[in-house]
Amino acid sequence: MSDVKSGVATIIAIAAILLAIFIPFIFIWSINTLFNLGIAYGFWEWLAAFCLSSFLSIRHVNAFSSK
């Protein structure tokens, strides 16, 4: 049973890492598509999109947390 839990935990960890890598690229692609901005796809653009999406998700979670 612990092997199954370990395998599921590994799959969840890999999925979380892949999402953290690809969500900023999807964000840049969507902004480029919607507004025709011509933003390049590089490390610094990825990092900026990652920081922006992290900031927005933190603000979203904090806005709905109980006080």
N, C-alpha and C. Protein backbone atom coordinates (compact mmCIF):
# COMPACT_ATOMS: atom_id res chain seq x y z
N MET A 1 0.82 -1.19 0.00
CA MET A 1 0.00 0.00 0.00
C MET A 1 0.86 1.26 0.00
N SER A 2 1.99 1.22 0.69
CA SER A 2 2.85 2.41 0.73
C SER A 2 3.49 2.67 -0.63
N ASP A 3 3.69 1.60 -1.44
CA ASP A 3 4.22 1.78 -2.79
C ASP A 3 3.24 2.56 -3.66
N VAL A 4 1.96 2.30 -3.49
CA VAL A 4 0.94 3.01 -4.26
C VAL A 4 0.90 4.47 -3.84
N LYS A 5 0.95 4.73 -2.54
CA LYS A 5 0.95 6.11 -2.04
C LYS A 5 2.19 6.85 -2.51
N SER A 6 3.32 6.16 -2.52
CA SER A 6 4.56 6.78 -2.98
C SER A 6 4.48 7.10 -4.47
N GLY A 7 3.90 6.20 -5.24
CA GLY A 7 3.75 6.43 -6.67
C GLY A 7 2.81 7.58 -6.97
N VAL A 8 1.72 7.66 -6.23
CA VAL A 8 0.76 8.76 -6.41
C VAL A 8 1.41 10.09 -6.00
N ALA A 9 2.15 10.09 -4.92
CA ALA A 9 2.83 11.31 -4.48
C ALA A 9 3.86 11.76 -5.51
N THR A 10 4.54 10.82 -6.11
CA THR A 10 5.53 11.15 -7.14
C THR A 10 4.85 11.75 -8.37
N ILE A 11 3.74 11.17 -8.79
CA ILE A 11 3.01 11.68 -9.94
C ILE A 11 2.49 13.09 -9.66
N ILE A 12 1.96 13.32 -8.47
CA ILE A 12 1.47 14.65 -8.10
C ILE A 12 2.61 15.66 -8.08
N ALA A 13 3.76 15.28 -7.56
CA ALA A 13 4.91 16.18 -7.51
C ALA A 13 5.39 16.53 -8.92
N ILE A 14 5.45 15.55 -9.79
CA ILE A 14 5.87 15.80 -11.18
C ILE A 14 4.86 16.70 -11.89
N ALA A 15 3.58 16.45 -11.68
CA ALA A 15 2.54 17.29 -12.29
C ALA A 15 2.63 18.73 -11.79
N ALA A 16 2.90 18.92 -10.51
CA ALA A 16 3.02 20.27 -9.96
C ALA A 16 4.22 21.00 -10.56
N ILE A 17 5.32 20.30 -10.72
CA ILE A 17 6.52 20.91 -11.32
C ILE A 17 6.25 21.27 -12.78
N LEU A 18 5.61 20.38 -13.52
CA LEU A 18 5.31 20.67 -14.92
C LEU A 18 4.35 21.84 -15.06
N LEU A 19 3.36 21.92 -14.18
CA LEU A 19 2.45 23.07 -14.20
C LEU A 19 3.18 24.36 -13.90
N ALA A 20 4.08 24.33 -12.93
CA ALA A 20 4.84 25.53 -12.58
C ALA A 20 5.72 25.99 -13.75
N ILE A 21 6.16 25.05 -14.57
CA ILE A 21 6.98 25.41 -15.72
C ILE A 21 6.13 25.93 -16.87
N PHE A 22 5.01 25.26 -17.16
CA PHE A 22 4.25 25.58 -18.37
C PHE A 22 3.20 26.68 -18.20
N ILE A 23 2.70 26.92 -17.01
CA ILE A 23 1.68 27.96 -16.84
C ILE A 23 2.18 29.34 -17.23
N PRO A 24 3.41 29.75 -16.89
CA PRO A 24 3.87 31.07 -17.37
C PRO A 24 3.94 31.17 -18.89
N PHE A 25 4.33 30.08 -19.58
CA PHE A 25 4.34 30.11 -21.04
C PHE A 25 2.93 30.23 -21.59
N ILE A 26 1.99 29.55 -20.99
CA ILE A 26 0.59 29.64 -21.41
C ILE A 26 0.07 31.06 -21.18
N PHE A 27 0.48 31.68 -20.07
CA PHE A 27 0.09 33.06 -19.77
C PHE A 27 0.63 34.01 -20.84
N ILE A 28 1.91 33.87 -21.18
CA ILE A 28 2.52 34.74 -22.21
C ILE A 28 1.84 34.50 -23.56
N TRP A 29 1.60 33.25 -23.90
CA TRP A 29 0.94 32.94 -25.17
C TRP A 29 -0.45 33.56 -25.23
N SER A 30 -1.20 33.46 -24.13
CA SER A 30 -2.56 33.99 -24.14
C SER A 30 -2.57 35.51 -24.26
N ILE A 31 -1.66 36.19 -23.57
CA ILE A 31 -1.57 37.65 -23.67
C ILE A 31 -1.15 38.04 -25.09
N ASN A 32 -0.19 37.34 -25.67
CA ASN A 32 0.23 37.60 -27.05
C ASN A 32 -0.92 37.41 -28.03
N THR A 33 -1.70 36.36 -27.83
CA THR A 33 -2.80 36.07 -28.73
C THR A 33 -3.91 37.10 -28.60
N LEU A 34 -4.26 37.45 -27.38
CA LEU A 34 -5.37 38.38 -27.17
C LEU A 34 -5.05 39.80 -27.61
N PHE A 35 -3.86 40.26 -27.30
CA PHE A 35 -3.53 41.67 -27.51
C PHE A 35 -2.47 41.90 -28.58
N ASN A 36 -1.97 40.85 -29.22
CA ASN A 36 -0.97 40.95 -30.29
C ASN A 36 0.23 41.82 -29.85
N LEU A 37 0.82 41.46 -28.70
CA LEU A 37 1.90 42.25 -28.12
C LEU A 37 3.29 41.89 -28.64
N GLY A 38 3.47 40.68 -29.10
CA GLY A 38 4.77 40.27 -29.61
C GLY A 38 5.80 40.03 -28.51
N ILE A 39 5.37 39.57 -27.35
CA ILE A 39 6.30 39.27 -26.26
C ILE A 39 7.08 38.01 -26.62
N ALA A 40 8.39 38.06 -26.44
CA ALA A 40 9.24 36.92 -26.77
C ALA A 40 9.05 35.81 -25.73
N TYR A 41 9.44 34.59 -26.10
CA TYR A 41 9.41 33.45 -25.19
C TYR A 41 10.83 33.14 -24.78
N GLY A 42 11.23 33.64 -23.64
CA GLY A 42 12.58 33.40 -23.14
C GLY A 42 12.55 33.22 -21.63
N PHE A 43 13.72 33.02 -21.08
CA PHE A 43 13.80 32.78 -19.64
C PHE A 43 13.29 33.98 -18.84
N TRP A 44 13.70 35.19 -19.18
CA TRP A 44 13.31 36.36 -18.40
C TRP A 44 11.82 36.65 -18.51
N GLU A 45 11.27 36.41 -19.68
CA GLU A 45 9.82 36.58 -19.84
C GLU A 45 9.07 35.51 -19.05
N TRP A 46 9.60 34.29 -19.06
CA TRP A 46 9.01 33.22 -18.28
C TRP A 46 9.05 33.57 -16.79
N LEU A 47 10.19 34.06 -16.34
CA LEU A 47 10.34 34.42 -14.93
C LEU A 47 9.39 35.54 -14.54
N ALA A 48 9.24 36.54 -15.40
CA ALA A 48 8.31 37.64 -15.11
C ALA A 48 6.87 37.13 -15.05
N ALA A 49 6.49 36.26 -15.97
CA ALA A 49 5.14 35.70 -15.96
C ALA A 49 4.92 34.81 -14.74
N PHE A 50 5.95 34.07 -14.36
CA PHE A 50 5.86 33.22 -13.17
C PHE A 50 5.66 34.07 -11.92
N CYS A 51 6.44 35.13 -11.79
CA CYS A 51 6.31 36.02 -10.62
C CYS A 51 4.94 36.69 -10.60
N LEU A 52 4.47 37.14 -11.76
CA LEU A 52 3.17 37.79 -11.83
C LEU A 52 2.05 36.82 -11.48
N SER A 53 2.09 35.62 -12.03
CA SER A 53 1.03 34.66 -11.72
C SER A 53 1.11 34.20 -10.27
N SER A 54 2.31 34.10 -9.71
CA SER A 54 2.44 33.75 -8.29
C SER A 54 1.87 34.85 -7.41
N PHE A 55 2.16 36.09 -7.75
CA PHE A 55 1.64 37.21 -6.98
C PHE A 55 0.12 37.24 -7.04
N LEU A 56 -0.43 37.05 -8.23
CA LEU A 56 -1.89 37.10 -8.37
C LEU A 56 -2.57 35.94 -7.65
N SER A 57 -1.97 34.77 -7.67
CA SER A 57 -2.59 33.64 -6.97
C SER A 57 -2.48 33.80 -5.46
N ILE A 58 -1.40 34.39 -4.97
CA ILE A 58 -1.27 34.65 -3.53
C ILE A 58 -2.30 35.67 -3.11
N ARG A 59 -2.47 36.73 -3.89
CA ARG A 59 -3.47 37.74 -3.57
C ARG A 59 -4.87 37.15 -3.60
N HIS A 60 -5.13 36.24 -4.55
CA HIS A 60 -6.45 35.61 -4.67
C HIS A 60 -6.72 34.74 -3.45
N VAL A 61 -5.76 33.97 -3.00
CA VAL A 61 -5.95 33.10 -1.85
C VAL A 61 -6.12 33.94 -0.59
N ASN A 62 -5.33 34.99 -0.42
CA ASN A 62 -5.44 35.82 0.77
C ASN A 62 -6.75 36.59 0.81
N ALA A 63 -7.30 36.94 -0.32
CA ALA A 63 -8.54 37.70 -0.36
C ALA A 63 -9.71 36.87 0.14
N PHE A 64 -9.66 35.56 -0.04
CA PHE A 64 -10.76 34.71 0.35
C PHE A 64 -10.51 33.92 1.62
N SER A 65 -9.40 34.11 2.27
CA SER A 65 -9.13 33.38 3.50
C SER A 65 -9.95 33.99 4.64
N SER A 66 -10.29 33.15 5.60
CA SER A 66 -11.10 33.63 6.73
C SER A 66 -10.23 34.42 7.68
N LYS A 67 -10.85 35.37 8.33
CA LYS A 67 -10.10 36.26 9.23
C LYS A 67 -10.42 35.96 10.67
